Amino acid sequence: MMLMISESTEKPLAIWKGQERYEDELLDCLTIIFKSGGCSWSKCRMCGYRHERYPGNPSRETIMGHLRAQLLWVIHQYASTEYHIVKIFTSGSFLIPGKSQLNFFQKLQRHFTEN
């Protein structure tokens, strides 16, 4: 199992390979925590993600650009043949309304379902 923790905007906050049970099988899994803009409230004391978001108040396009760069890093570092399950988390939320969010979800879906 490889663990990667990063503060770079080009890499996910953390990523690792492991195994997950699916029905009666134990399958290789890739877990990704994308760094995002955080949630809009950002005041929950129990949530450590409020400290692992992009600083300030970045624009939607800036956040989506960082998310696309992180996804490209994952695509280049991990061959789709190395895993059968993908779990995706964020450091807050990337449920930002708008066309750029939809494009990002479509890119995620294409990469992880076509390969």
N, C-alpha and C. Protein backbone atom coordinates (compact mmCIF):
# COMPACT_ATOMS: atom_id res chain seq x y z
N MET A 1 0.85 -1.17 0.00
CA MET A 1 0.00 0.00 0.00
C MET A 1 0.90 1.24 0.00
N MET A 2 0.57 2.18 -0.88
CA MET A 2 1.32 3.43 -0.96
C MET A 2 0.47 4.56 -0.43
N LEU A 3 1.03 5.38 0.43
CA LEU A 3 0.31 6.53 0.98
C LEU A 3 1.02 7.78 0.52
N MET A 4 0.25 8.72 0.01
CA MET A 4 0.82 9.98 -0.44
C MET A 4 0.01 11.10 0.17
N ILE A 5 0.66 11.99 0.86
CA ILE A 5 0.02 13.18 1.41
C ILE A 5 0.75 14.37 0.83
N SER A 6 -0.01 15.35 0.34
CA SER A 6 0.59 16.46 -0.38
C SER A 6 -0.07 17.78 -0.02
N GLU A 7 0.72 18.83 -0.05
CA GLU A 7 0.19 20.17 0.07
C GLU A 7 0.22 20.89 -1.27
N SER A 8 0.68 20.21 -2.30
CA SER A 8 0.76 20.78 -3.64
C SER A 8 -0.65 20.89 -4.24
N THR A 9 -0.88 21.92 -5.03
CA THR A 9 -2.18 22.07 -5.69
C THR A 9 -2.31 21.11 -6.87
N GLU A 10 -1.22 20.50 -7.33
CA GLU A 10 -1.28 19.60 -8.48
C GLU A 10 -1.53 18.16 -8.08
N LYS A 11 -1.48 17.84 -6.81
CA LYS A 11 -1.69 16.48 -6.34
C LYS A 11 -2.88 16.46 -5.39
N PRO A 12 -3.58 15.30 -5.31
CA PRO A 12 -4.64 15.20 -4.32
C PRO A 12 -4.05 15.36 -2.91
N LEU A 13 -4.90 15.70 -1.98
CA LEU A 13 -4.48 15.84 -0.59
C LEU A 13 -3.90 14.53 -0.08
N ALA A 14 -4.53 13.41 -0.43
CA ALA A 14 -4.02 12.08 -0.08
C ALA A 14 -4.54 11.08 -1.10
N ILE A 15 -3.79 10.01 -1.28
CA ILE A 15 -4.20 8.94 -2.20
C ILE A 15 -3.49 7.67 -1.77
N TRP A 16 -4.21 6.54 -1.82
CA TRP A 16 -3.59 5.27 -1.48
C TRP A 16 -4.36 4.12 -2.13
N LYS A 17 -3.63 3.01 -2.28
CA LYS A 17 -4.23 1.79 -2.80
C LYS A 17 -4.45 0.85 -1.63
N GLY A 18 -5.53 0.12 -1.70
CA GLY A 18 -5.85 -0.87 -0.68
C GLY A 18 -6.80 -1.89 -1.27
N GLN A 19 -7.58 -2.52 -0.41
CA GLN A 19 -8.57 -3.48 -0.88
C GLN A 19 -9.90 -3.20 -0.19
N GLU A 20 -10.96 -3.46 -0.91
CA GLU A 20 -12.32 -3.30 -0.40
C GLU A 20 -13.13 -4.53 -0.77
N ARG A 21 -14.02 -4.90 0.11
CA ARG A 21 -14.90 -6.03 -0.18
C ARG A 21 -16.09 -5.53 -1.00
N TYR A 22 -16.36 -6.21 -2.10
CA TYR A 22 -17.51 -5.92 -2.94
C TYR A 22 -18.21 -7.24 -3.19
N GLU A 23 -19.42 -7.36 -2.66
CA GLU A 23 -20.17 -8.60 -2.69
C GLU A 23 -19.30 -9.69 -2.07
N ASP A 24 -18.93 -10.73 -2.80
CA ASP A 24 -18.14 -11.82 -2.22
C ASP A 24 -16.67 -11.75 -2.60
N GLU A 25 -16.23 -10.62 -3.16
CA GLU A 25 -14.85 -10.50 -3.62
C GLU A 25 -14.10 -9.43 -2.84
N LEU A 26 -12.79 -9.61 -2.74
CA LEU A 26 -11.89 -8.60 -2.20
C LEU A 26 -11.17 -7.98 -3.40
N LEU A 27 -11.47 -6.70 -3.68
CA LEU A 27 -10.96 -6.06 -4.90
C LEU A 27 -9.97 -4.95 -4.57
N ASP A 28 -9.02 -4.73 -5.49
CA ASP A 28 -8.08 -3.62 -5.35
C ASP A 28 -8.85 -2.30 -5.46
N CYS A 29 -8.47 -1.35 -4.62
CA CYS A 29 -9.21 -0.09 -4.52
C CYS A 29 -8.23 1.08 -4.52
N LEU A 30 -8.63 2.16 -5.14
CA LEU A 30 -7.87 3.41 -5.11
C LEU A 30 -8.73 4.43 -4.36
N THR A 31 -8.20 4.98 -3.28
CA THR A 31 -8.91 5.99 -2.50
C THR A 31 -8.24 7.33 -2.74
N ILE A 32 -9.04 8.34 -3.07
CA ILE A 32 -8.52 9.67 -3.40
C ILE A 32 -9.22 10.70 -2.54
N ILE A 33 -8.45 11.60 -1.95
CA ILE A 33 -9.02 12.77 -1.27
C ILE A 33 -8.54 13.99 -2.03
N PHE A 34 -9.45 14.58 -2.81
CA PHE A 34 -9.13 15.78 -3.56
C PHE A 34 -9.15 17.00 -2.64
N LYS A 35 -8.19 17.87 -2.81
CA LYS A 35 -8.20 19.15 -2.09
C LYS A 35 -9.15 20.07 -2.83
N SER A 36 -10.06 20.71 -2.09
CA SER A 36 -11.05 21.57 -2.74
C SER A 36 -11.12 22.92 -2.02
N GLY A 37 -12.15 23.65 -2.30
CA GLY A 37 -12.35 24.95 -1.68
C GLY A 37 -12.96 24.87 -0.30
N GLY A 38 -13.25 23.66 0.16
CA GLY A 38 -13.88 23.50 1.46
C GLY A 38 -15.37 23.77 1.37
N CYS A 39 -16.04 23.58 2.47
CA CYS A 39 -17.48 23.86 2.48
C CYS A 39 -17.69 25.36 2.68
N SER A 40 -18.90 25.79 2.42
CA SER A 40 -19.17 27.23 2.51
C SER A 40 -19.23 27.72 3.95
N TRP A 41 -19.50 26.83 4.89
CA TRP A 41 -19.62 27.27 6.28
C TRP A 41 -18.25 27.30 6.95
N SER A 42 -17.50 26.21 6.83
CA SER A 42 -16.11 26.10 7.33
C SER A 42 -15.95 26.48 8.80
N LYS A 43 -16.88 26.08 9.64
CA LYS A 43 -16.78 26.39 11.07
C LYS A 43 -16.94 25.18 11.97
N CYS A 44 -17.08 24.00 11.41
CA CYS A 44 -17.25 22.80 12.23
C CYS A 44 -15.94 22.48 12.93
N ARG A 45 -15.95 22.46 14.22
CA ARG A 45 -14.72 22.21 14.98
C ARG A 45 -14.23 20.77 14.85
N MET A 46 -15.15 19.84 14.57
CA MET A 46 -14.75 18.44 14.47
C MET A 46 -14.16 18.10 13.11
N CYS A 47 -14.27 18.99 12.15
CA CYS A 47 -13.84 18.71 10.78
C CYS A 47 -12.45 19.28 10.51
N GLY A 48 -11.49 18.40 10.28
CA GLY A 48 -10.14 18.84 9.99
C GLY A 48 -9.97 19.38 8.59
N TYR A 49 -10.95 19.10 7.71
CA TYR A 49 -10.83 19.57 6.34
C TYR A 49 -10.85 21.09 6.23
N ARG A 50 -11.37 21.77 7.23
CA ARG A 50 -11.39 23.23 7.15
C ARG A 50 -9.97 23.80 7.13
N HIS A 51 -9.00 23.00 7.58
CA HIS A 51 -7.60 23.43 7.57
C HIS A 51 -6.86 22.96 6.32
N GLU A 52 -7.50 22.10 5.52
CA GLU A 52 -6.85 21.50 4.35
C GLU A 52 -7.52 21.92 3.06
N ARG A 53 -8.03 23.11 3.03
CA ARG A 53 -8.67 23.66 1.84
C ARG A 53 -7.76 24.72 1.25
N TYR A 54 -8.11 25.18 0.07
CA TYR A 54 -7.32 26.27 -0.51
C TYR A 54 -7.56 27.53 0.30
N PRO A 55 -6.51 28.28 0.60
CA PRO A 55 -6.65 29.48 1.44
C PRO A 55 -7.42 30.59 0.74
N GLY A 56 -7.97 31.46 1.55
CA GLY A 56 -8.70 32.60 1.00
C GLY A 56 -10.04 32.16 0.47
N ASN A 57 -10.49 32.86 -0.52
CA ASN A 57 -11.78 32.57 -1.14
C ASN A 57 -11.58 32.44 -2.64
N PRO A 58 -10.98 31.31 -3.10
CA PRO A 58 -10.69 31.18 -4.53
C PRO A 58 -11.97 31.10 -5.35
N SER A 59 -11.89 31.55 -6.57
CA SER A 59 -13.05 31.51 -7.46
C SER A 59 -13.39 30.07 -7.83
N ARG A 60 -14.59 29.88 -8.32
CA ARG A 60 -15.04 28.56 -8.76
C ARG A 60 -14.10 28.02 -9.85
N GLU A 61 -13.74 28.87 -10.80
CA GLU A 61 -12.86 28.44 -11.88
C GLU A 61 -11.47 28.04 -11.37
N THR A 62 -10.97 28.77 -10.38
CA THR A 62 -9.66 28.43 -9.80
C THR A 62 -9.72 27.06 -9.14
N ILE A 63 -10.77 26.83 -8.36
CA ILE A 63 -10.93 25.53 -7.69
C ILE A 63 -11.06 24.40 -8.71
N MET A 64 -11.88 24.61 -9.73
CA MET A 64 -12.07 23.58 -10.74
C MET A 64 -10.77 23.31 -11.50
N GLY A 65 -9.97 24.34 -11.72
CA GLY A 65 -8.66 24.15 -12.35
C GLY A 65 -7.75 23.28 -11.49
N HIS A 66 -7.76 23.52 -10.18
CA HIS A 66 -6.97 22.70 -9.26
C HIS A 66 -7.48 21.26 -9.26
N LEU A 67 -8.80 21.07 -9.26
CA LEU A 67 -9.36 19.72 -9.27
C LEU A 67 -8.99 18.98 -10.56
N ARG A 68 -9.06 19.66 -11.70
CA ARG A 68 -8.66 19.03 -12.96
C ARG A 68 -7.18 18.64 -12.94
N ALA A 69 -6.33 19.50 -12.39
CA ALA A 69 -4.90 19.20 -12.29
C ALA A 69 -4.67 17.98 -11.39
N GLN A 70 -5.41 17.90 -10.30
CA GLN A 70 -5.28 16.74 -9.40
C GLN A 70 -5.71 15.46 -10.09
N LEU A 71 -6.82 15.53 -10.84
CA LEU A 71 -7.29 14.36 -11.58
C LEU A 71 -6.26 13.92 -12.61
N LEU A 72 -5.68 14.85 -13.33
CA LEU A 72 -4.63 14.50 -14.31
C LEU A 72 -3.45 13.83 -13.63
N TRP A 73 -3.08 14.31 -12.45
CA TRP A 73 -1.97 13.69 -11.71
C TRP A 73 -2.32 12.24 -11.40
N VAL A 74 -3.56 11.98 -10.93
CA VAL A 74 -3.99 10.61 -10.62
C VAL A 74 -3.93 9.75 -11.87
N ILE A 75 -4.45 10.26 -12.98
CA ILE A 75 -4.46 9.50 -14.23
C ILE A 75 -3.05 9.12 -14.66
N HIS A 76 -2.09 10.02 -14.48
CA HIS A 76 -0.71 9.74 -14.88
C HIS A 76 0.04 8.84 -13.90
N GLN A 77 -0.37 8.81 -12.66
CA GLN A 77 0.35 8.04 -11.64
C GLN A 77 -0.20 6.63 -11.44
N TYR A 78 -1.48 6.41 -11.73
CA TYR A 78 -2.12 5.13 -11.43
C TYR A 78 -2.82 4.59 -12.68
N ALA A 79 -2.32 3.47 -13.18
CA ALA A 79 -2.95 2.83 -14.34
C ALA A 79 -4.29 2.25 -13.91
N SER A 80 -5.27 2.35 -14.77
CA SER A 80 -6.61 1.86 -14.44
C SER A 80 -6.64 0.35 -14.21
N THR A 81 -5.61 -0.35 -14.64
CA THR A 81 -5.53 -1.80 -14.42
C THR A 81 -5.10 -2.13 -12.99
N GLU A 82 -4.69 -1.12 -12.21
CA GLU A 82 -4.22 -1.35 -10.85
C GLU A 82 -5.34 -1.41 -9.82
N TYR A 83 -6.58 -1.11 -10.19
CA TYR A 83 -7.67 -1.08 -9.22
C TYR A 83 -9.00 -1.37 -9.92
N HIS A 84 -9.96 -1.79 -9.11
CA HIS A 84 -11.31 -2.07 -9.62
C HIS A 84 -12.36 -1.17 -8.99
N ILE A 85 -12.02 -0.57 -7.86
CA ILE A 85 -12.93 0.32 -7.15
C ILE A 85 -12.21 1.65 -6.93
N VAL A 86 -12.94 2.75 -7.06
CA VAL A 86 -12.40 4.07 -6.77
C VAL A 86 -13.30 4.73 -5.74
N LYS A 87 -12.70 5.21 -4.65
CA LYS A 87 -13.44 5.98 -3.65
C LYS A 87 -12.91 7.40 -3.69
N ILE A 88 -13.82 8.36 -3.83
CA ILE A 88 -13.42 9.76 -3.95
C ILE A 88 -14.02 10.57 -2.80
N PHE A 89 -13.15 11.32 -2.13
CA PHE A 89 -13.55 12.22 -1.06
C PHE A 89 -12.96 13.59 -1.39
N THR A 90 -13.44 14.62 -0.72
CA THR A 90 -12.87 15.95 -0.91
C THR A 90 -12.63 16.60 0.44
N SER A 91 -11.82 17.65 0.44
CA SER A 91 -11.57 18.42 1.65
C SER A 91 -12.65 19.48 1.78
N GLY A 92 -13.87 19.04 1.84
CA GLY A 92 -15.01 19.95 1.89
C GLY A 92 -16.02 19.53 0.87
N SER A 93 -16.23 20.34 -0.13
CA SER A 93 -17.23 20.02 -1.14
C SER A 93 -16.77 20.55 -2.49
N PHE A 94 -16.98 19.75 -3.52
CA PHE A 94 -16.83 20.30 -4.86
C PHE A 94 -18.16 20.29 -5.58
N LEU A 95 -19.22 20.30 -4.78
CA LEU A 95 -20.56 20.39 -5.34
C LEU A 95 -20.90 21.85 -5.61
N ILE A 96 -20.09 22.43 -6.47
CA ILE A 96 -20.23 23.84 -6.83
C ILE A 96 -21.13 23.91 -8.05
N PRO A 97 -22.24 24.62 -7.98
CA PRO A 97 -23.11 24.67 -9.15
C PRO A 97 -22.42 25.35 -10.34
N GLY A 98 -22.71 24.85 -11.51
CA GLY A 98 -22.17 25.49 -12.71
C GLY A 98 -21.67 24.48 -13.71
N LYS A 99 -21.38 24.96 -14.89
CA LYS A 99 -20.94 24.11 -15.99
C LYS A 99 -19.57 23.47 -15.71
N SER A 100 -18.67 24.20 -15.07
CA SER A 100 -17.33 23.65 -14.82
C SER A 100 -17.40 22.44 -13.90
N GLN A 101 -18.31 22.45 -12.94
CA GLN A 101 -18.49 21.31 -12.04
C GLN A 101 -19.00 20.11 -12.83
N LEU A 102 -19.99 20.32 -13.69
CA LEU A 102 -20.53 19.24 -14.50
C LEU A 102 -19.45 18.65 -15.39
N ASN A 103 -18.64 19.48 -16.01
CA ASN A 103 -17.54 18.99 -16.84
C ASN A 103 -16.57 18.14 -16.05
N PHE A 104 -16.27 18.54 -14.82
CA PHE A 104 -15.35 17.77 -13.97
C PHE A 104 -15.94 16.41 -13.64
N PHE A 105 -17.22 16.36 -13.26
CA PHE A 105 -17.86 15.08 -12.96
C PHE A 105 -17.90 14.18 -14.18
N GLN A 106 -18.14 14.75 -15.35
CA GLN A 106 -18.15 13.97 -16.57
C GLN A 106 -16.77 13.39 -16.86
N LYS A 107 -15.73 14.19 -16.62
CA LYS A 107 -14.36 13.71 -16.82
C LYS A 107 -14.04 12.57 -15.84
N LEU A 108 -14.45 12.72 -14.59
CA LEU A 108 -14.27 11.64 -13.60
C LEU A 108 -14.97 10.37 -14.07
N GLN A 109 -16.22 10.53 -14.46
CA GLN A 109 -17.01 9.38 -14.88
C GLN A 109 -16.38 8.69 -16.09
N ARG A 110 -15.99 9.46 -17.09
CA ARG A 110 -15.38 8.86 -18.28
C ARG A 110 -14.12 8.10 -17.92
N HIS A 111 -13.26 8.71 -17.14
CA HIS A 111 -11.99 8.03 -16.84
C HIS A 111 -12.20 6.76 -16.03
N PHE A 112 -13.02 6.83 -15.01
CA PHE A 112 -13.14 5.68 -14.12
C PHE A 112 -14.15 4.63 -14.56
N THR A 113 -14.94 4.90 -15.59
CA THR A 113 -15.86 3.87 -16.07
C THR A 113 -15.45 3.29 -17.41
N GLU A 114 -14.69 4.03 -18.20
CA GLU A 114 -14.28 3.53 -19.52
C GLU A 114 -13.01 2.72 -19.46
N ASN A 115 -12.26 2.82 -18.39
CA ASN A 115 -10.97 2.11 -18.31
C ASN A 115 -11.09 0.81 -17.57
